[in-house]
Amino acid sequence: MKQNESNFLIYGLIVGGILSAGIAILLGTRFISKTNKNKRERKHKFFEGIDDIFELSSKSNPEEETKIDKETEDGIIDELFSRTI
Protein backbone atom coordinates (compact mmCIF):
# COMPACT_ATOMS: atom_id res chain seq x y z
CA MET A 1 0.00 0.00 0.00
CA LYS A 2 1.04 3.49 -0.64
CA GLN A 3 1.33 5.96 2.20
CA ASN A 4 -1.54 8.02 0.72
CA GLU A 5 -3.98 5.09 0.67
CA SER A 6 -3.04 4.25 4.24
CA ASN A 7 -3.87 7.78 5.39
CA PHE A 8 -7.31 7.62 3.75
CA LEU A 9 -8.03 4.37 5.54
CA ILE A 10 -7.09 5.84 8.91
CA TYR A 11 -9.11 9.01 8.27
CA GLY A 12 -12.08 6.90 7.18
CA LEU A 13 -11.92 4.80 10.35
CA ILE A 14 -11.70 7.89 12.57
CA VAL A 15 -14.58 9.71 10.87
CA GLY A 16 -16.65 6.51 10.78
CA GLY A 17 -16.05 5.95 14.49
CA ILE A 18 -17.08 9.50 15.36
CA LEU A 19 -20.25 9.25 13.25
CA SER A 20 -21.13 5.86 14.72
CA ALA A 21 -20.69 7.15 18.26
CA GLY A 22 -22.88 10.17 17.48
CA ILE A 23 -25.64 8.01 16.03
CA ALA A 24 -25.45 5.62 18.98
CA ILE A 25 -25.76 8.50 21.45
CA LEU A 26 -28.67 10.03 19.51
CA LEU A 27 -30.62 6.76 19.29
CA GLY A 28 -29.81 5.91 22.92
CA THR A 29 -31.17 9.19 24.23
CA ARG A 30 -34.33 8.82 22.11
CA PHE A 31 -34.87 5.31 23.47
CA ILE A 32 -34.35 6.40 27.07
CA SER A 33 -36.63 9.41 26.61
CA LYS A 34 -39.40 7.27 25.09
CA THR A 35 -39.05 4.65 27.85
CA ASN A 36 -39.31 7.28 30.61
CA LYS A 37 -42.32 8.88 28.91
CA ASN A 38 -44.11 5.52 28.70
CA LYS A 39 -43.31 4.80 32.35
CA ARG A 40 -44.74 8.18 33.44
CA GLU A 41 -47.91 7.57 31.38
CA ARG A 42 -48.43 4.11 32.89
CA LYS A 43 -47.93 5.48 36.39
CA HIS A 44 -50.36 8.31 35.71
CA LYS A 45 -52.97 5.91 34.35
CA PHE A 46 -52.51 3.67 37.40
CA PHE A 47 -53.15 6.48 39.89
CA GLU A 48 -55.98 7.84 37.75
CA GLY A 49 -57.61 4.41 37.83
CA ILE A 50 -57.33 4.26 41.62
CA ASP A 51 -58.94 7.70 41.88
CA ASP A 52 -61.78 6.62 39.59
CA ILE A 53 -62.47 3.50 41.65
CA PHE A 54 -62.76 5.39 44.93
CA GLU A 55 -64.68 8.32 43.40
CA LEU A 56 -67.27 5.98 41.94
CA SER A 57 -67.68 4.18 45.25
CA SER A 58 -68.20 7.46 47.11
CA LYS A 59 -70.62 9.01 44.58
CA SER A 60 -72.94 6.09 44.08
CA ASN A 61 -75.07 4.70 46.87
CA PRO A 62 -74.29 0.99 46.65
CA GLU A 63 -76.16 -1.72 48.44
CA GLU A 64 -74.72 -3.08 51.67
CA GLU A 65 -73.39 -6.29 50.11
CA THR A 66 -71.28 -4.46 47.50
CA LYS A 67 -70.08 -1.71 49.82
CA ILE A 68 -66.42 -1.84 50.90
CA ASP A 69 -65.73 -1.14 54.55
CA LYS A 70 -62.79 1.01 55.67
CA GLU A 71 -60.63 -1.95 56.72
CA THR A 72 -60.97 -3.64 53.32
CA GLU A 73 -60.29 -0.35 51.56
CA ASP A 74 -57.08 0.14 53.55
CA GLY A 75 -56.03 -3.42 52.71
CA ILE A 76 -56.57 -2.79 49.01
CA ILE A 77 -54.58 0.44 49.14
CA ASP A 78 -51.70 -1.25 51.02
CA GLU A 79 -51.66 -4.11 48.51
CA LEU A 80 -51.61 -1.76 45.52
CA PHE A 81 -48.83 0.42 46.85
CA SER A 82 -46.69 -2.45 48.07
CA ARG A 83 -46.26 -3.73 44.51
CA THR A 84 -43.39 -2.55 42.34
CA ILE A 85 -44.26 -0.71 39.15
PDB file of N, CA and C in Angstrom:
ATOM      1  N   MET A   1       0.831  -1.181   0.000  1.00  0.00           N
ATOM      2  CA  MET A   1       0.000   0.000   0.000  1.00  0.00           C
ATOM      3  C   MET A   1       0.874   1.242   0.000  1.00  0.00           C
ATOM      4  N   LYS A   2       0.351   2.207  -0.662  1.00  0.00           N
ATOM      5  CA  LYS A   2       1.043   3.486  -0.642  1.00  0.00           C
ATOM      6  C   LYS A   2       0.724   4.214   0.656  1.00  0.00           C
ATOM      7  N   GLN A   3       1.538   5.170   0.981  1.00  0.00           N
ATOM      8  CA  GLN A   3       1.326   5.955   2.196  1.00  0.00           C
ATOM      9  C   GLN A   3       0.022   6.744   2.119  1.00  0.00           C
ATOM     10  N   ASN A   4      -0.331   7.236   0.908  1.00  0.00           N
ATOM     11  CA  ASN A   4      -1.543   8.023   0.716  1.00  0.00           C
ATOM     12  C   ASN A   4      -2.790   7.187   0.982  1.00  0.00           C
ATOM     13  N   GLU A   5      -2.829   5.964   0.456  1.00  0.00           N
ATOM     14  CA  GLU A   5      -3.985   5.085   0.669  1.00  0.00           C
ATOM     15  C   GLU A   5      -4.125   4.729   2.142  1.00  0.00           C
ATOM     16  N   SER A   6      -3.021   4.578   2.824  1.00  0.00           N
ATOM     17  CA  SER A   6      -3.037   4.253   4.242  1.00  0.00           C
ATOM     18  C   SER A   6      -3.643   5.404   5.052  1.00  0.00           C
ATOM     19  N   ASN A   7      -3.316   6.624   4.678  1.00  0.00           N
ATOM     20  CA  ASN A   7      -3.869   7.779   5.386  1.00  0.00           C
ATOM     21  C   ASN A   7      -5.380   7.855   5.194  1.00  0.00           C
ATOM     22  N   PHE A   8      -5.872   7.589   4.001  1.00  0.00           N
ATOM     23  CA  PHE A   8      -7.306   7.623   3.745  1.00  0.00           C
ATOM     24  C   PHE A   8      -8.036   6.574   4.577  1.00  0.00           C
ATOM     25  N   LEU A   9      -7.428   5.420   4.735  1.00  0.00           N
ATOM     26  CA  LEU A   9      -8.029   4.366   5.542  1.00  0.00           C
ATOM     27  C   LEU A   9      -8.130   4.790   7.008  1.00  0.00           C
ATOM     28  N   ILE A  10      -7.085   5.385   7.519  1.00  0.00           N
ATOM     29  CA  ILE A  10      -7.089   5.838   8.913  1.00  0.00           C
ATOM     30  C   ILE A  10      -8.122   6.941   9.110  1.00  0.00           C
ATOM     31  N   TYR A  11      -8.130   7.926   8.171  1.00  0.00           N
ATOM     32  CA  TYR A  11      -9.114   9.010   8.269  1.00  0.00           C
ATOM     33  C   TYR A  11     -10.534   8.463   8.190  1.00  0.00           C
ATOM     34  N   GLY A  12     -10.749   7.510   7.321  1.00  0.00           N
ATOM     35  CA  GLY A  12     -12.078   6.897   7.181  1.00  0.00           C
ATOM     36  C   GLY A  12     -12.504   6.197   8.460  1.00  0.00           C
ATOM     37  N   LEU A  13     -11.602   5.487   9.095  1.00  0.00           N
ATOM     38  CA  LEU A  13     -11.918   4.798  10.345  1.00  0.00           C
ATOM     39  C   LEU A  13     -12.223   5.798  11.466  1.00  0.00           C
ATOM     40  N   ILE A  14     -11.471   6.881  11.524  1.00  0.00           N
ATOM     41  CA  ILE A  14     -11.697   7.886  12.568  1.00  0.00           C
ATOM     42  C   ILE A  14     -13.040   8.568  12.366  1.00  0.00           C
ATOM     43  N   VAL A  15     -13.310   9.025  11.152  1.00  0.00           N
ATOM     44  CA  VAL A  15     -14.576   9.708  10.869  1.00  0.00           C
ATOM     45  C   VAL A  15     -15.753   8.741  11.058  1.00  0.00           C
ATOM     46  N   GLY A  16     -15.595   7.509  10.607  1.00  0.00           N
ATOM     47  CA  GLY A  16     -16.653   6.505  10.783  1.00  0.00           C
ATOM     48  C   GLY A  16     -16.922   6.222  12.249  1.00  0.00           C
ATOM     49  N   GLY A  17     -15.879   6.172  13.058  1.00  0.00           N
ATOM     50  CA  GLY A  17     -16.048   5.950  14.491  1.00  0.00           C
ATOM     51  C   GLY A  17     -16.772   7.098  15.166  1.00  0.00           C
ATOM     52  N   ILE A  18     -16.425   8.322  14.783  1.00  0.00           N
ATOM     53  CA  ILE A  18     -17.082   9.495  15.364  1.00  0.00           C
ATOM     54  C   ILE A  18     -18.558   9.522  14.971  1.00  0.00           C
ATOM     55  N   LEU A  19     -18.858   9.273  13.697  1.00  0.00           N
ATOM     56  CA  LEU A  19     -20.252   9.249  13.247  1.00  0.00           C
ATOM     57  C   LEU A  19     -21.044   8.135  13.932  1.00  0.00           C
ATOM     58  N   SER A  20     -20.445   6.980  14.058  1.00  0.00           N
ATOM     59  CA  SER A  20     -21.132   5.857  14.717  1.00  0.00           C
ATOM     60  C   SER A  20     -21.421   6.174  16.183  1.00  0.00           C
ATOM     61  N   ALA A  21     -20.474   6.785  16.858  1.00  0.00           N
ATOM     62  CA  ALA A  21     -20.685   7.154  18.259  1.00  0.00           C
ATOM     63  C   ALA A  21     -21.805   8.188  18.374  1.00  0.00           C
ATOM     64  N   GLY A  22     -21.831   9.161  17.472  1.00  0.00           N
ATOM     65  CA  GLY A  22     -22.884  10.168  17.481  1.00  0.00           C
ATOM     66  C   GLY A  22     -24.261   9.575  17.251  1.00  0.00           C
ATOM     67  N   ILE A  23     -24.356   8.670  16.312  1.00  0.00           N
ATOM     68  CA  ILE A  23     -25.640   8.010  16.028  1.00  0.00           C
ATOM     69  C   ILE A  23     -26.068   7.149  17.210  1.00  0.00           C
ATOM     70  N   ALA A  24     -25.117   6.451  17.817  1.00  0.00           N
ATOM     71  CA  ALA A  24     -25.451   5.618  18.981  1.00  0.00           C
ATOM     72  C   ALA A  24     -25.952   6.464  20.140  1.00  0.00           C
ATOM     73  N   ILE A  25     -25.331   7.616  20.366  1.00  0.00           N
ATOM     74  CA  ILE A  25     -25.765   8.503  21.446  1.00  0.00           C
ATOM     75  C   ILE A  25     -27.151   9.057  21.144  1.00  0.00           C
ATOM     76  N   LEU A  26     -27.379   9.479  19.903  1.00  0.00           N
ATOM     77  CA  LEU A  26     -28.672  10.027  19.513  1.00  0.00           C
ATOM     78  C   LEU A  26     -29.791   9.003  19.687  1.00  0.00           C
ATOM     79  N   LEU A  27     -29.592   7.803  19.179  1.00  0.00           N
ATOM     80  CA  LEU A  27     -30.618   6.764  19.294  1.00  0.00           C
ATOM     81  C   LEU A  27     -30.803   6.316  20.739  1.00  0.00           C
ATOM     82  N   GLY A  28     -29.718   6.292  21.509  1.00  0.00           N
ATOM     83  CA  GLY A  28     -29.810   5.911  22.916  1.00  0.00           C
ATOM     84  C   GLY A  28     -30.631   6.898  23.722  1.00  0.00           C
ATOM     85  N   THR A  29     -30.401   8.188  23.492  1.00  0.00           N
ATOM     86  CA  THR A  29     -31.172   9.193  24.229  1.00  0.00           C
ATOM     87  C   THR A  29     -32.639   9.167  23.829  1.00  0.00           C
ATOM     88  N   ARG A  30     -32.929   8.930  22.545  1.00  0.00           N
ATOM     89  CA  ARG A  30     -34.333   8.818  22.110  1.00  0.00           C
ATOM     90  C   ARG A  30     -35.012   7.630  22.774  1.00  0.00           C
ATOM     91  N   PHE A  31     -34.308   6.506  22.840  1.00  0.00           N
ATOM     92  CA  PHE A  31     -34.873   5.309  23.467  1.00  0.00           C
ATOM     93  C   PHE A  31     -35.138   5.543  24.950  1.00  0.00           C
ATOM     94  N   ILE A  32     -34.191   6.139  25.638  1.00  0.00           N
ATOM     95  CA  ILE A  32     -34.355   6.402  27.067  1.00  0.00           C
ATOM     96  C   ILE A  32     -35.488   7.391  27.301  1.00  0.00           C
ATOM     97  N   SER A  33     -35.571   8.423  26.472  1.00  0.00           N
ATOM     98  CA  SER A  33     -36.635   9.413  26.607  1.00  0.00           C
ATOM     99  C   SER A  33     -38.004   8.769  26.396  1.00  0.00           C
ATOM    100  N   LYS A  34     -38.119   7.930  25.378  1.00  0.00           N
ATOM    101  CA  LYS A  34     -39.399   7.266  25.089  1.00  0.00           C
ATOM    102  C   LYS A  34     -39.774   6.302  26.214  1.00  0.00           C
ATOM    103  N   THR A  35     -38.799   5.594  26.760  1.00  0.00           N
ATOM    104  CA  THR A  35     -39.052   4.654  27.847  1.00  0.00           C
ATOM    105  C   THR A  35     -39.535   5.388  29.099  1.00  0.00           C
ATOM    106  N   ASN A  36     -38.889   6.494  29.437  1.00  0.00           N
ATOM    107  CA  ASN A  36     -39.308   7.280  30.610  1.00  0.00           C
ATOM    108  C   ASN A  36     -40.690   7.874  30.413  1.00  0.00           C
ATOM    109  N   LYS A  37     -40.998   8.319  29.204  1.00  0.00           N
ATOM    110  CA  LYS A  37     -42.322   8.879  28.913  1.00  0.00           C
ATOM    111  C   LYS A  37     -43.399   7.809  29.081  1.00  0.00           C
ATOM    112  N   ASN A  38     -43.144   6.612  28.566  1.00  0.00           N
ATOM    113  CA  ASN A  38     -44.111   5.520  28.702  1.00  0.00           C
ATOM    114  C   ASN A  38     -44.305   5.132  30.165  1.00  0.00           C
ATOM    115  N   LYS A  39     -43.219   5.142  30.936  1.00  0.00           N
ATOM    116  CA  LYS A  39     -43.307   4.802  32.350  1.00  0.00           C
ATOM    117  C   LYS A  39     -44.155   5.825  33.106  1.00  0.00           C
ATOM    118  N   ARG A  40     -43.950   7.127  32.804  1.00  0.00           N
ATOM    119  CA  ARG A  40     -44.741   8.176  33.441  1.00  0.00           C
ATOM    120  C   ARG A  40     -46.221   8.035  33.081  1.00  0.00           C
ATOM    121  N   GLU A  41     -46.518   7.719  31.807  1.00  0.00           N
ATOM    122  CA  GLU A  41     -47.913   7.568  31.383  1.00  0.00           C
ATOM    123  C   GLU A  41     -48.580   6.383  32.083  1.00  0.00           C
ATOM    124  N   ARG A  42     -47.869   5.276  32.194  1.00  0.00           N
ATOM    125  CA  ARG A  42     -48.431   4.109  32.887  1.00  0.00           C
ATOM    126  C   ARG A  42     -48.699   4.426  34.344  1.00  0.00           C
ATOM    127  N   LYS A  43     -47.768   5.113  34.989  1.00  0.00           N
ATOM    128  CA  LYS A  43     -47.927   5.477  36.395  1.00  0.00           C
ATOM    129  C   LYS A  43     -49.118   6.413  36.562  1.00  0.00           C
ATOM    130  N   HIS A  44     -49.248   7.370  35.647  1.00  0.00           N
ATOM    131  CA  HIS A  44     -50.360   8.314  35.712  1.00  0.00           C
ATOM    132  C   HIS A  44     -51.695   7.587  35.528  1.00  0.00           C
ATOM    133  N   LYS A  45     -51.748   6.668  34.577  1.00  0.00           N
ATOM    134  CA  LYS A  45     -52.975   5.905  34.348  1.00  0.00           C
ATOM    135  C   LYS A  45     -53.317   5.042  35.561  1.00  0.00           C
ATOM    136  N   PHE A  46     -52.303   4.498  36.218  1.00  0.00           N
ATOM    137  CA  PHE A  46     -52.510   3.667  37.397  1.00  0.00           C
ATOM    138  C   PHE A  46     -53.175   4.479  38.508  1.00  0.00           C
ATOM    139  N   PHE A  47     -52.598   5.653  38.821  1.00  0.00           N
ATOM    140  CA  PHE A  47     -53.153   6.478  39.893  1.00  0.00           C
ATOM    141  C   PHE A  47     -54.510   7.054  39.505  1.00  0.00           C
ATOM    142  N   GLU A  48     -54.692   7.348  38.216  1.00  0.00           N
ATOM    143  CA  GLU A  48     -55.975   7.841  37.747  1.00  0.00           C
ATOM    144  C   GLU A  48     -57.046   6.767  37.916  1.00  0.00           C
ATOM    145  N   GLY A  49     -56.679   5.524  37.653  1.00  0.00           N
ATOM    146  CA  GLY A  49     -57.610   4.413  37.834  1.00  0.00           C
ATOM    147  C   GLY A  49     -58.001   4.227  39.286  1.00  0.00           C
ATOM    148  N   ILE A  50     -57.039   4.373  40.186  1.00  0.00           N
ATOM    149  CA  ILE A  50     -57.334   4.258  41.616  1.00  0.00           C
ATOM    150  C   ILE A  50     -58.294   5.367  42.033  1.00  0.00           C
ATOM    151  N   ASP A  51     -58.042   6.579  41.563  1.00  0.00           N
ATOM    152  CA  ASP A  51     -58.936   7.698  41.879  1.00  0.00           C
ATOM    153  C   ASP A  51     -60.344   7.429  41.374  1.00  0.00           C
ATOM    154  N   ASP A  52     -60.461   6.906  40.163  1.00  0.00           N
ATOM    155  CA  ASP A  52     -61.776   6.621  39.592  1.00  0.00           C
ATOM    156  C   ASP A  52     -62.528   5.582  40.416  1.00  0.00           C
ATOM    157  N   ILE A  53     -61.827   4.559  40.872  1.00  0.00           N
ATOM    158  CA  ILE A  53     -62.468   3.500  41.651  1.00  0.00           C
ATOM    159  C   ILE A  53     -63.070   4.075  42.925  1.00  0.00           C
ATOM    160  N   PHE A  54     -62.288   4.886  43.655  1.00  0.00           N
ATOM    161  CA  PHE A  54     -62.765   5.394  44.927  1.00  0.00           C
ATOM    162  C   PHE A  54     -63.762   6.542  44.756  1.00  0.00           C
ATOM    163  N   GLU A  55     -63.685   7.289  43.658  1.00  0.00           N
ATOM    164  CA  GLU A  55     -64.683   8.324  43.400  1.00  0.00           C
ATOM    165  C   GLU A  55     -66.037   7.703  43.082  1.00  0.00           C
ATOM    166  N   LEU A  56     -66.020   6.644  42.278  1.00  0.00           N
ATOM    167  CA  LEU A  56     -67.272   5.980  41.935  1.00  0.00           C
ATOM    168  C   LEU A  56     -67.924   5.373  43.170  1.00  0.00           C
ATOM    169  N   SER A  57     -67.109   4.809  44.059  1.00  0.00           N
ATOM    170  CA  SER A  57     -67.684   4.184  45.247  1.00  0.00           C
ATOM    171  C   SER A  57     -68.242   5.235  46.206  1.00  0.00           C
ATOM    172  N   SER A  58     -67.685   6.431  46.203  1.00  0.00           N
ATOM    173  CA  SER A  58     -68.200   7.455  47.112  1.00  0.00           C
ATOM    174  C   SER A  58     -69.413   8.176  46.525  1.00  0.00           C
ATOM    175  N   LYS A  59     -69.502   8.298  45.206  1.00  0.00           N
ATOM    176  CA  LYS A  59     -70.619   9.007  44.579  1.00  0.00           C
ATOM    177  C   LYS A  59     -71.888   8.167  44.561  1.00  0.00           C
ATOM    178  N   SER A  60     -71.747   6.931  44.172  1.00  0.00           N
ATOM    179  CA  SER A  60     -72.936   6.087  44.082  1.00  0.00           C
ATOM    180  C   SER A  60     -73.337   5.598  45.468  1.00  0.00           C
ATOM    181  N   ASN A  61     -74.579   5.194  45.596  1.00  0.00           N
ATOM    182  CA  ASN A  61     -75.072   4.703  46.875  1.00  0.00           C
ATOM    183  C   ASN A  61     -75.265   3.190  46.734  1.00  0.00           C
ATOM    184  N   PRO A  62     -74.192   2.432  46.873  1.00  0.00           N
ATOM    185  CA  PRO A  62     -74.290   0.991  46.647  1.00  0.00           C
ATOM    186  C   PRO A  62     -75.052   0.282  47.766  1.00  0.00           C
ATOM    187  N   GLU A  63     -75.483  -0.900  47.442  1.00  0.00           N
ATOM    188  CA  GLU A  63     -76.156  -1.720  48.445  1.00  0.00           C
ATOM    189  C   GLU A  63     -75.133  -2.193  49.473  1.00  0.00           C
ATOM    190  N   GLU A  64     -75.604  -2.672  50.585  1.00  0.00           N
ATOM    191  CA  GLU A  64     -74.717  -3.079  51.673  1.00  0.00           C
ATOM    192  C   GLU A  64     -73.792  -4.230  51.280  1.00  0.00           C
ATOM    193  N   GLU A  65     -74.228  -5.140  50.431  1.00  0.00           N
ATOM    194  CA  GLU A  65     -73.389  -6.295  50.110  1.00  0.00           C
ATOM    195  C   GLU A  65     -72.250  -5.938  49.160  1.00  0.00           C
ATOM    196  N   THR A  66     -72.363  -4.857  48.407  1.00  0.00           N
ATOM    197  CA  THR A  66     -71.283  -4.456  47.504  1.00  0.00           C
ATOM    198  C   THR A  66     -70.430  -3.337  48.081  1.00  0.00           C
ATOM    199  N   LYS A  67     -70.809  -2.806  49.209  1.00  0.00           N
ATOM    200  CA  LYS A  67     -70.082  -1.706  49.820  1.00  0.00           C
ATOM    201  C   LYS A  67     -68.802  -2.228  50.475  1.00  0.00           C
ATOM    202  N   ILE A  68     -67.718  -1.463  50.331  1.00  0.00           N
ATOM    203  CA  ILE A  68     -66.421  -1.840  50.898  1.00  0.00           C
ATOM    204  C   ILE A  68     -66.251  -1.079  52.211  1.00  0.00           C
ATOM    205  N   ASP A  69     -65.943  -1.813  53.277  1.00  0.00           N
ATOM    206  CA  ASP A  69     -65.727  -1.136  54.551  1.00  0.00           C
ATOM    207  C   ASP A  69     -64.317  -0.539  54.593  1.00  0.00           C
ATOM    208  N   LYS A  70     -64.051   0.273  55.573  1.00  0.00           N
ATOM    209  CA  LYS A  70     -62.794   1.013  55.674  1.00  0.00           C
ATOM    210  C   LYS A  70     -61.591   0.081  55.797  1.00  0.00           C
ATOM    211  N   GLU A  71     -61.734  -1.001  56.528  1.00  0.00           N
ATOM    212  CA  GLU A  71     -60.628  -1.947  56.722  1.00  0.00           C
ATOM    213  C   GLU A  71     -60.236  -2.611  55.404  1.00  0.00           C
ATOM    214  N   THR A  72     -61.234  -3.021  54.617  1.00  0.00           N
ATOM    215  CA  THR A  72     -60.965  -3.642  53.322  1.00  0.00           C
ATOM    216  C   THR A  72     -60.341  -2.628  52.368  1.00  0.00           C
ATOM    217  N   GLU A  73     -60.833  -1.401  52.403  1.00  0.00           N
ATOM    218  CA  GLU A  73     -60.288  -0.348  51.556  1.00  0.00           C
ATOM    219  C   GLU A  73     -58.821  -0.090  51.879  1.00  0.00           C
ATOM    220  N   ASP A  74     -58.476  -0.044  53.146  1.00  0.00           N
ATOM    221  CA  ASP A  74     -57.083   0.138  53.550  1.00  0.00           C
ATOM    222  C   ASP A  74     -56.218  -1.035  53.109  1.00  0.00           C
ATOM    223  N   GLY A  75     -56.766  -2.240  53.169  1.00  0.00           N
ATOM    224  CA  GLY A  75     -56.034  -3.420  52.712  1.00  0.00           C
ATOM    225  C   GLY A  75     -55.761  -3.366  51.223  1.00  0.00           C
ATOM    226  N   ILE A  76     -56.754  -2.908  50.457  1.00  0.00           N
ATOM    227  CA  ILE A  76     -56.568  -2.792  49.010  1.00  0.00           C
ATOM    228  C   ILE A  76     -55.499  -1.754  48.693  1.00  0.00           C
ATOM    229  N   ILE A  77     -55.557  -0.626  49.374  1.00  0.00           N
ATOM    230  CA  ILE A  77     -54.575   0.435  49.138  1.00  0.00           C
ATOM    231  C   ILE A  77     -53.176  -0.046  49.503  1.00  0.00           C
ATOM    232  N   ASP A  78     -53.025  -0.727  50.631  1.00  0.00           N
ATOM    233  CA  ASP A  78     -51.704  -1.248  51.024  1.00  0.00           C
ATOM    234  C   ASP A  78     -51.192  -2.246  50.001  1.00  0.00           C
ATOM    235  N   GLU A  79     -52.063  -3.113  49.501  1.00  0.00           N
ATOM    236  CA  GLU A  79     -51.664  -4.110  48.509  1.00  0.00           C
ATOM    237  C   GLU A  79     -51.231  -3.445  47.215  1.00  0.00           C
ATOM    238  N   LEU A  80     -51.953  -2.437  46.772  1.00  0.00           N
ATOM    239  CA  LEU A  80     -51.613  -1.762  45.524  1.00  0.00           C
ATOM    240  C   LEU A  80     -50.293  -1.034  45.624  1.00  0.00           C
ATOM    241  N   PHE A  81     -50.039  -0.350  46.722  1.00  0.00           N
ATOM    242  CA  PHE A  81     -48.832   0.423  46.847  1.00  0.00           C
ATOM    243  C   PHE A  81     -47.624  -0.393  47.287  1.00  0.00           C
ATOM    244  N   SER A  82     -47.824  -1.623  47.708  1.00  0.00           N
ATOM    245  CA  SER A  82     -46.692  -2.452  48.074  1.00  0.00           C
ATOM    246  C   SER A  82     -46.063  -3.120  46.852  1.00  0.00           C
ATOM    247  N   ARG A  83     -46.790  -3.127  45.734  1.00  0.00           N
ATOM    248  CA  ARG A  83     -46.258  -3.731  44.506  1.00  0.00           C
ATOM    249  C   ARG A  83     -45.276  -2.789  43.854  1.00  0.00           C
ATOM    250  N   THR A  84     -44.334  -3.365  43.092  1.00  0.00           N
ATOM    251  CA  THR A  84     -43.388  -2.548  42.340  1.00  0.00           C
ATOM    252  C   THR A  84     -43.965  -2.295  40.965  1.00  0.00           C
ATOM    253  N   ILE A  85     -43.722  -1.101  40.471  1.00  0.00           N
ATOM    254  CA  ILE A  85     -44.262  -0.709  39.151  1.00  0.00           C
ATOM    255  C   ILE A  85     -43.222  -0.908  38.100  1.00  0.00           C
TER     256      ILE A  85
END
